[in-house]
Amino acid sequence: MPARTVQLDHADREIVLIAEAARDTLSIFFRHLSGTGAGEHSFFIKYPFDAKTDSGIISEQIWLSGISFRDGLYYGKLANTPLYLHGLKTGDTVAFSADSISDWMYIQNDKIIGGYSIKYLLESIPEDQRSEEQKKLLQMFEY
């Protein structure tokens, strides 16, 4: 599901709070991931990767799917096409630290659970300027 690239200000207080909340509630995500219930699917974690030094940005946030834990490390597959990461492409498996995630989400009965960075960004678009796809996506969030 996650696919669009958006430029974010690392000083955006709401984005910082969303990342903190995601880390504080990560146990909820992992509980549902490990015991997938009826109607639950499409589990993703958003993770910041250091961008190429000549890119002009600090980090690139990439959604990871296929989340697993083995040998003391978390792993996921890049679900987006990286624009500013050297040597990585969609589908590559990477290790990540749970201490640095910036968001998580999954689908439960056609509703998005988590994904607050997406919701925040969609809500920041004036309603009359949202595409039909953006409107449908926003309606999928649990309120």
N, C-alpha and C. Protein backbone atom coordinates (compact mmCIF):
# COMPACT_ATOMS: atom_id res chain seq x y z
N MET A 1 0.81 -1.20 0.00
CA MET A 1 0.00 0.00 0.00
C MET A 1 0.85 1.27 0.00
N PRO A 2 1.78 1.48 0.96
CA PRO A 2 2.57 2.71 0.95
C PRO A 2 3.40 2.82 -0.32
N ALA A 3 3.36 3.99 -0.97
CA ALA A 3 4.10 4.10 -2.21
C ALA A 3 4.59 5.51 -2.52
N ARG A 4 3.90 6.52 -2.10
CA ARG A 4 4.24 7.89 -2.47
C ARG A 4 5.45 8.42 -1.71
N THR A 5 6.18 9.31 -2.36
CA THR A 5 7.31 9.97 -1.73
C THR A 5 6.90 11.40 -1.40
N VAL A 6 7.17 11.80 -0.15
CA VAL A 6 6.82 13.14 0.30
C VAL A 6 8.02 13.70 1.05
N GLN A 7 8.33 14.96 0.80
CA GLN A 7 9.43 15.62 1.50
C GLN A 7 8.90 16.13 2.85
N LEU A 8 9.57 15.74 3.95
CA LEU A 8 9.15 16.14 5.28
C LEU A 8 10.21 16.98 5.95
N ASP A 9 9.76 17.85 6.81
CA ASP A 9 10.65 18.65 7.63
C ASP A 9 10.91 17.86 8.91
N HIS A 10 12.18 17.51 9.18
CA HIS A 10 12.51 16.74 10.37
C HIS A 10 12.18 17.48 11.66
N ALA A 11 11.97 18.77 11.57
CA ALA A 11 11.62 19.56 12.75
C ALA A 11 10.11 19.67 12.94
N ASP A 12 9.31 19.08 12.04
CA ASP A 12 7.86 19.10 12.16
C ASP A 12 7.48 18.39 13.46
N ARG A 13 6.99 19.15 14.41
CA ARG A 13 6.70 18.63 15.76
C ARG A 13 5.72 17.46 15.71
N GLU A 14 4.72 17.53 14.86
CA GLU A 14 3.73 16.46 14.78
C GLU A 14 4.36 15.16 14.28
N ILE A 15 5.24 15.25 13.30
CA ILE A 15 5.93 14.06 12.79
C ILE A 15 6.82 13.46 13.88
N VAL A 16 7.48 14.30 14.66
CA VAL A 16 8.31 13.83 15.77
C VAL A 16 7.43 13.09 16.79
N LEU A 17 6.27 13.66 17.12
CA LEU A 17 5.37 13.03 18.09
C LEU A 17 4.80 11.71 17.55
N ILE A 18 4.50 11.67 16.27
CA ILE A 18 4.00 10.44 15.65
C ILE A 18 5.06 9.34 15.76
N ALA A 19 6.31 9.67 15.49
CA ALA A 19 7.40 8.69 15.58
C ALA A 19 7.57 8.20 17.02
N GLU A 20 7.50 9.10 17.97
CA GLU A 20 7.62 8.71 19.38
C GLU A 20 6.47 7.78 19.78
N ALA A 21 5.26 8.12 19.37
CA ALA A 21 4.10 7.29 19.69
C ALA A 21 4.20 5.92 19.02
N ALA A 22 4.72 5.88 17.81
CA ALA A 22 4.89 4.60 17.11
C ALA A 22 5.84 3.69 17.88
N ARG A 23 6.93 4.25 18.37
CA ARG A 23 7.88 3.45 19.14
C ARG A 23 7.27 3.02 20.47
N ASP A 24 6.50 3.89 21.10
CA ASP A 24 5.87 3.57 22.39
C ASP A 24 4.81 2.48 22.26
N THR A 25 4.21 2.35 21.09
CA THR A 25 3.12 1.38 20.90
C THR A 25 3.53 0.22 19.99
N LEU A 26 4.80 0.07 19.75
CA LEU A 26 5.29 -0.98 18.86
C LEU A 26 4.87 -2.37 19.32
N SER A 27 4.72 -2.56 20.62
CA SER A 27 4.31 -3.87 21.12
C SER A 27 2.93 -4.26 20.59
N ILE A 28 2.06 -3.29 20.37
CA ILE A 28 0.73 -3.56 19.79
C ILE A 28 0.90 -4.13 18.38
N PHE A 29 1.74 -3.46 17.60
CA PHE A 29 2.00 -3.91 16.23
C PHE A 29 2.52 -5.35 16.24
N PHE A 30 3.54 -5.63 17.05
CA PHE A 30 4.15 -6.96 17.06
C PHE A 30 3.19 -8.02 17.60
N ARG A 31 2.34 -7.65 18.54
CA ARG A 31 1.34 -8.59 19.05
C ARG A 31 0.40 -9.03 17.92
N HIS A 32 -0.04 -8.08 17.11
CA HIS A 32 -0.93 -8.41 16.00
C HIS A 32 -0.19 -9.12 14.87
N LEU A 33 1.05 -8.74 14.64
CA LEU A 33 1.85 -9.40 13.60
C LEU A 33 2.07 -10.87 13.94
N SER A 34 2.38 -11.16 15.20
CA SER A 34 2.70 -12.54 15.58
C SER A 34 1.46 -13.40 15.76
N GLY A 35 0.33 -12.76 16.03
CA GLY A 35 -0.90 -13.52 16.21
C GLY A 35 -1.98 -12.98 15.29
N THR A 36 -1.67 -12.92 14.01
CA THR A 36 -2.56 -12.31 13.04
C THR A 36 -3.98 -12.83 13.22
N GLY A 37 -4.89 -11.91 13.48
CA GLY A 37 -6.29 -12.26 13.66
C GLY A 37 -7.05 -12.19 12.35
N ALA A 38 -8.30 -12.56 12.42
CA ALA A 38 -9.17 -12.52 11.24
C ALA A 38 -9.22 -11.11 10.68
N GLY A 39 -9.05 -10.99 9.40
CA GLY A 39 -9.14 -9.69 8.74
C GLY A 39 -7.90 -8.82 8.86
N GLU A 40 -6.83 -9.34 9.46
CA GLU A 40 -5.59 -8.56 9.61
C GLU A 40 -4.58 -8.96 8.55
N HIS A 41 -4.00 -7.93 7.89
CA HIS A 41 -3.00 -8.18 6.85
C HIS A 41 -2.24 -6.89 6.56
N SER A 42 -1.31 -6.96 5.65
CA SER A 42 -0.55 -5.79 5.17
C SER A 42 0.14 -5.05 6.32
N PHE A 43 1.05 -5.72 6.98
CA PHE A 43 1.81 -5.15 8.10
C PHE A 43 3.04 -4.41 7.56
N PHE A 44 3.21 -3.16 7.97
CA PHE A 44 4.33 -2.32 7.52
C PHE A 44 4.95 -1.57 8.69
N ILE A 45 6.24 -1.34 8.58
CA ILE A 45 6.96 -0.46 9.51
C ILE A 45 7.67 0.59 8.67
N LYS A 46 7.63 1.84 9.13
CA LYS A 46 8.34 2.93 8.45
C LYS A 46 9.65 3.16 9.19
N TYR A 47 10.73 3.22 8.41
CA TYR A 47 12.06 3.29 9.00
C TYR A 47 12.92 4.32 8.27
N PRO A 48 13.69 5.13 9.02
CA PRO A 48 14.58 6.13 8.39
C PRO A 48 15.94 5.52 8.05
N PHE A 49 16.34 5.69 6.82
CA PHE A 49 17.67 5.25 6.37
C PHE A 49 18.50 6.48 6.05
N ASP A 50 19.79 6.43 6.36
CA ASP A 50 20.68 7.53 6.01
C ASP A 50 20.72 7.67 4.49
N ALA A 51 20.49 8.89 4.02
CA ALA A 51 20.49 9.15 2.58
C ALA A 51 21.92 9.30 2.06
N LYS A 52 22.06 9.16 0.75
CA LYS A 52 23.37 9.38 0.12
C LYS A 52 23.85 10.78 0.49
N THR A 53 25.13 10.92 0.73
CA THR A 53 25.68 12.19 1.19
C THR A 53 25.48 13.32 0.19
N ASP A 54 25.42 13.04 -1.09
CA ASP A 54 25.26 14.09 -2.09
C ASP A 54 23.78 14.36 -2.44
N SER A 55 22.85 13.79 -1.67
CA SER A 55 21.42 13.92 -2.00
C SER A 55 20.80 15.22 -1.50
N GLY A 56 21.43 15.84 -0.51
CA GLY A 56 20.87 17.07 0.05
C GLY A 56 19.83 16.83 1.13
N ILE A 57 19.58 15.58 1.47
CA ILE A 57 18.66 15.27 2.56
C ILE A 57 19.38 14.40 3.59
N ILE A 58 18.85 14.39 4.80
CA ILE A 58 19.47 13.65 5.90
C ILE A 58 19.12 12.17 5.83
N SER A 59 17.82 11.90 5.70
CA SER A 59 17.39 10.51 5.69
C SER A 59 16.18 10.34 4.78
N GLU A 60 15.97 9.10 4.40
CA GLU A 60 14.80 8.75 3.60
C GLU A 60 14.00 7.72 4.39
N GLN A 61 12.72 8.02 4.57
CA GLN A 61 11.82 7.12 5.27
C GLN A 61 11.28 6.11 4.27
N ILE A 62 11.44 4.84 4.58
CA ILE A 62 10.98 3.77 3.69
C ILE A 62 10.06 2.84 4.48
N TRP A 63 8.96 2.44 3.85
CA TRP A 63 8.08 1.45 4.46
C TRP A 63 8.67 0.07 4.21
N LEU A 64 8.63 -0.76 5.25
CA LEU A 64 9.13 -2.13 5.20
C LEU A 64 7.97 -3.10 5.38
N SER A 65 7.98 -4.17 4.61
CA SER A 65 6.97 -5.22 4.76
C SER A 65 7.67 -6.53 5.09
N GLY A 66 6.91 -7.60 5.26
CA GLY A 66 7.51 -8.90 5.54
C GLY A 66 8.35 -8.87 6.80
N ILE A 67 7.86 -8.22 7.83
CA ILE A 67 8.62 -8.02 9.07
C ILE A 67 8.85 -9.36 9.77
N SER A 68 10.10 -9.57 10.20
CA SER A 68 10.44 -10.79 10.94
C SER A 68 11.51 -10.47 11.98
N PHE A 69 11.69 -11.42 12.90
CA PHE A 69 12.70 -11.29 13.94
C PHE A 69 13.44 -12.62 14.00
N ARG A 70 14.76 -12.55 13.84
CA ARG A 70 15.57 -13.76 13.96
C ARG A 70 16.99 -13.38 14.37
N ASP A 71 17.58 -14.27 15.13
CA ASP A 71 18.97 -14.08 15.58
C ASP A 71 19.17 -12.72 16.25
N GLY A 72 18.16 -12.26 16.97
CA GLY A 72 18.28 -11.01 17.72
C GLY A 72 18.12 -9.74 16.90
N LEU A 73 17.72 -9.87 15.62
CA LEU A 73 17.56 -8.70 14.76
C LEU A 73 16.19 -8.69 14.09
N TYR A 74 15.70 -7.48 13.82
CA TYR A 74 14.47 -7.31 13.05
C TYR A 74 14.85 -7.15 11.57
N TYR A 75 14.00 -7.70 10.70
CA TYR A 75 14.21 -7.61 9.26
C TYR A 75 12.91 -7.20 8.57
N GLY A 76 13.06 -6.56 7.45
CA GLY A 76 11.92 -6.21 6.62
C GLY A 76 12.37 -6.02 5.19
N LYS A 77 11.42 -6.03 4.27
CA LYS A 77 11.71 -5.82 2.85
C LYS A 77 11.26 -4.43 2.45
N LEU A 78 12.09 -3.73 1.70
CA LEU A 78 11.74 -2.39 1.25
C LEU A 78 10.47 -2.45 0.40
N ALA A 79 9.45 -1.73 0.84
CA ALA A 79 8.16 -1.74 0.15
C ALA A 79 8.03 -0.54 -0.80
N ASN A 80 8.95 0.40 -0.72
CA ASN A 80 8.96 1.57 -1.60
C ASN A 80 10.23 1.55 -2.44
N THR A 81 10.22 2.32 -3.50
CA THR A 81 11.41 2.50 -4.31
C THR A 81 12.24 3.62 -3.70
N PRO A 82 13.43 3.30 -3.19
CA PRO A 82 14.27 4.33 -2.60
C PRO A 82 14.77 5.31 -3.66
N LEU A 83 14.78 6.57 -3.32
CA LEU A 83 15.29 7.60 -4.22
C LEU A 83 16.69 8.07 -3.82
N TYR A 84 17.00 8.01 -2.53
CA TYR A 84 18.24 8.59 -2.03
C TYR A 84 19.11 7.59 -1.26
N LEU A 85 18.90 6.31 -1.47
CA LEU A 85 19.68 5.29 -0.78
C LEU A 85 20.59 4.60 -1.77
N HIS A 86 21.83 4.46 -1.39
CA HIS A 86 22.82 3.84 -2.28
C HIS A 86 22.73 2.32 -2.20
N GLY A 87 22.54 1.68 -3.35
CA GLY A 87 22.61 0.24 -3.44
C GLY A 87 21.40 -0.53 -2.94
N LEU A 88 20.29 0.14 -2.66
CA LEU A 88 19.09 -0.55 -2.20
C LEU A 88 17.96 -0.36 -3.20
N LYS A 89 17.10 -1.38 -3.31
CA LYS A 89 15.96 -1.29 -4.22
C LYS A 89 14.75 -1.97 -3.58
N THR A 90 13.59 -1.72 -4.13
CA THR A 90 12.37 -2.32 -3.64
C THR A 90 12.53 -3.84 -3.56
N GLY A 91 12.10 -4.41 -2.45
CA GLY A 91 12.18 -5.86 -2.26
C GLY A 91 13.42 -6.33 -1.54
N ASP A 92 14.44 -5.47 -1.41
CA ASP A 92 15.65 -5.86 -0.68
C ASP A 92 15.31 -6.05 0.80
N THR A 93 15.92 -7.05 1.40
CA THR A 93 15.75 -7.30 2.83
C THR A 93 16.82 -6.53 3.59
N VAL A 94 16.38 -5.83 4.64
CA VAL A 94 17.29 -5.04 5.46
C VAL A 94 17.03 -5.32 6.94
N ALA A 95 18.06 -5.17 7.75
CA ALA A 95 17.91 -5.24 9.20
C ALA A 95 17.58 -3.84 9.69
N PHE A 96 16.80 -3.75 10.77
CA PHE A 96 16.47 -2.44 11.32
C PHE A 96 16.36 -2.52 12.83
N SER A 97 16.47 -1.36 13.46
CA SER A 97 16.37 -1.24 14.90
C SER A 97 14.98 -0.75 15.28
N ALA A 98 14.34 -1.46 16.17
CA ALA A 98 13.00 -1.05 16.63
C ALA A 98 13.05 0.31 17.31
N ASP A 99 14.21 0.69 17.84
CA ASP A 99 14.36 1.98 18.53
C ASP A 99 14.31 3.18 17.59
N SER A 100 14.36 2.95 16.28
CA SER A 100 14.41 4.06 15.34
C SER A 100 13.22 4.13 14.39
N ILE A 101 12.25 3.24 14.54
CA ILE A 101 11.12 3.28 13.60
C ILE A 101 10.39 4.61 13.74
N SER A 102 9.69 5.00 12.68
CA SER A 102 8.97 6.27 12.72
C SER A 102 7.46 6.10 12.55
N ASP A 103 7.01 4.90 12.23
CA ASP A 103 5.57 4.63 12.14
C ASP A 103 5.37 3.14 11.90
N TRP A 104 4.16 2.68 12.11
CA TRP A 104 3.78 1.31 11.78
C TRP A 104 2.31 1.31 11.40
N MET A 105 1.91 0.28 10.67
CA MET A 105 0.51 0.17 10.29
C MET A 105 0.19 -1.24 9.84
N TYR A 106 -1.09 -1.56 9.90
CA TYR A 106 -1.60 -2.78 9.30
C TYR A 106 -3.07 -2.56 8.99
N ILE A 107 -3.64 -3.48 8.23
CA ILE A 107 -5.05 -3.40 7.86
C ILE A 107 -5.82 -4.42 8.69
N GLN A 108 -6.93 -3.98 9.27
CA GLN A 108 -7.82 -4.86 10.02
C GLN A 108 -9.25 -4.58 9.56
N ASN A 109 -9.87 -5.56 8.94
CA ASN A 109 -11.24 -5.40 8.45
C ASN A 109 -11.39 -4.15 7.59
N ASP A 110 -10.47 -3.98 6.66
CA ASP A 110 -10.48 -2.87 5.69
C ASP A 110 -10.26 -1.49 6.32
N LYS A 111 -9.76 -1.45 7.55
CA LYS A 111 -9.42 -0.19 8.22
C LYS A 111 -7.93 -0.16 8.50
N ILE A 112 -7.32 1.01 8.37
CA ILE A 112 -5.90 1.16 8.68
C ILE A 112 -5.74 1.38 10.17
N ILE A 113 -4.93 0.54 10.79
CA ILE A 113 -4.58 0.68 12.20
C ILE A 113 -3.16 1.22 12.23
N GLY A 114 -2.93 2.30 12.97
CA GLY A 114 -1.62 2.96 12.96
C GLY A 114 -1.53 3.86 11.73
N GLY A 115 -0.33 3.95 11.15
CA GLY A 115 -0.14 4.75 9.94
C GLY A 115 -0.41 6.23 10.14
N TYR A 116 -0.14 6.72 11.34
CA TYR A 116 -0.49 8.10 11.67
C TYR A 116 0.26 9.14 10.86
N SER A 117 1.45 8.78 10.36
CA SER A 117 2.16 9.75 9.51
C SER A 117 1.43 9.92 8.19
N ILE A 118 0.87 8.85 7.65
CA ILE A 118 0.09 8.94 6.41
C ILE A 118 -1.15 9.78 6.65
N LYS A 119 -1.84 9.47 7.74
CA LYS A 119 -3.07 10.21 8.07
C LYS A 119 -2.78 11.70 8.23
N TYR A 120 -1.71 12.02 8.95
CA TYR A 120 -1.32 13.41 9.17
C TYR A 120 -1.06 14.12 7.84
N LEU A 121 -0.31 13.46 6.97
CA LEU A 121 0.01 14.07 5.67
C LEU A 121 -1.23 14.24 4.80
N LEU A 122 -2.11 13.25 4.81
CA LEU A 122 -3.34 13.36 4.03
C LEU A 122 -4.23 14.49 4.56
N GLU A 123 -4.32 14.60 5.87
CA GLU A 123 -5.14 15.66 6.46
C GLU A 123 -4.55 17.04 6.25
N SER A 124 -3.25 17.11 5.97
CA SER A 124 -2.62 18.42 5.73
C SER A 124 -2.92 18.94 4.33
N ILE A 125 -3.44 18.09 3.47
CA ILE A 125 -3.85 18.51 2.13
C ILE A 125 -5.25 19.11 2.24
N PRO A 126 -5.46 20.33 1.76
CA PRO A 126 -6.81 20.89 1.81
C PRO A 126 -7.81 19.93 1.16
N GLU A 127 -8.96 19.78 1.79
CA GLU A 127 -9.95 18.80 1.36
C GLU A 127 -10.30 18.93 -0.12
N ASP A 128 -10.43 20.16 -0.60
CA ASP A 128 -10.81 20.36 -2.01
C ASP A 128 -9.66 20.06 -2.98
N GLN A 129 -8.45 19.78 -2.45
CA GLN A 129 -7.31 19.45 -3.30
C GLN A 129 -6.91 17.98 -3.23
N ARG A 130 -7.60 17.19 -2.41
CA ARG A 130 -7.29 15.77 -2.30
C ARG A 130 -7.80 15.02 -3.52
N SER A 131 -6.98 14.09 -3.99
CA SER A 131 -7.40 13.23 -5.10
C SER A 131 -8.42 12.23 -4.57
N GLU A 132 -9.10 11.56 -5.47
CA GLU A 132 -10.06 10.53 -5.06
C GLU A 132 -9.35 9.42 -4.30
N GLU A 133 -8.16 9.06 -4.76
CA GLU A 133 -7.37 8.03 -4.07
C GLU A 133 -7.04 8.47 -2.64
N GLN A 134 -6.64 9.72 -2.47
CA GLN A 134 -6.33 10.23 -1.13
C GLN A 134 -7.57 10.25 -0.24
N LYS A 135 -8.70 10.63 -0.78
CA LYS A 135 -9.95 10.65 -0.01
C LYS A 135 -10.32 9.24 0.44
N LYS A 136 -10.21 8.25 -0.45
CA LYS A 136 -10.54 6.87 -0.10
C LYS A 136 -9.58 6.34 0.96
N LEU A 137 -8.31 6.66 0.81
CA LEU A 137 -7.32 6.21 1.79
C LEU A 137 -7.60 6.81 3.16
N LEU A 138 -7.92 8.08 3.21
CA LEU A 138 -8.21 8.75 4.47
C LEU A 138 -9.44 8.13 5.16
N GLN A 139 -10.41 7.70 4.38
CA GLN A 139 -11.60 7.07 4.95
C GLN A 139 -11.30 5.70 5.56
N MET A 140 -10.16 5.12 5.21
CA MET A 140 -9.81 3.79 5.74
C MET A 140 -9.27 3.85 7.16
N PHE A 141 -8.96 5.03 7.68
CA PHE A 141 -8.38 5.11 9.02
C PHE A 141 -9.42 4.94 10.09
N GLU A 142 -9.04 4.20 11.15
CA GLU A 142 -9.86 4.09 12.35
C GLU A 142 -9.85 5.44 13.05
N TYR A 143 -10.98 5.90 13.46
CA TYR A 143 -11.03 7.18 14.19
C TYR A 143 -11.43 6.98 15.61
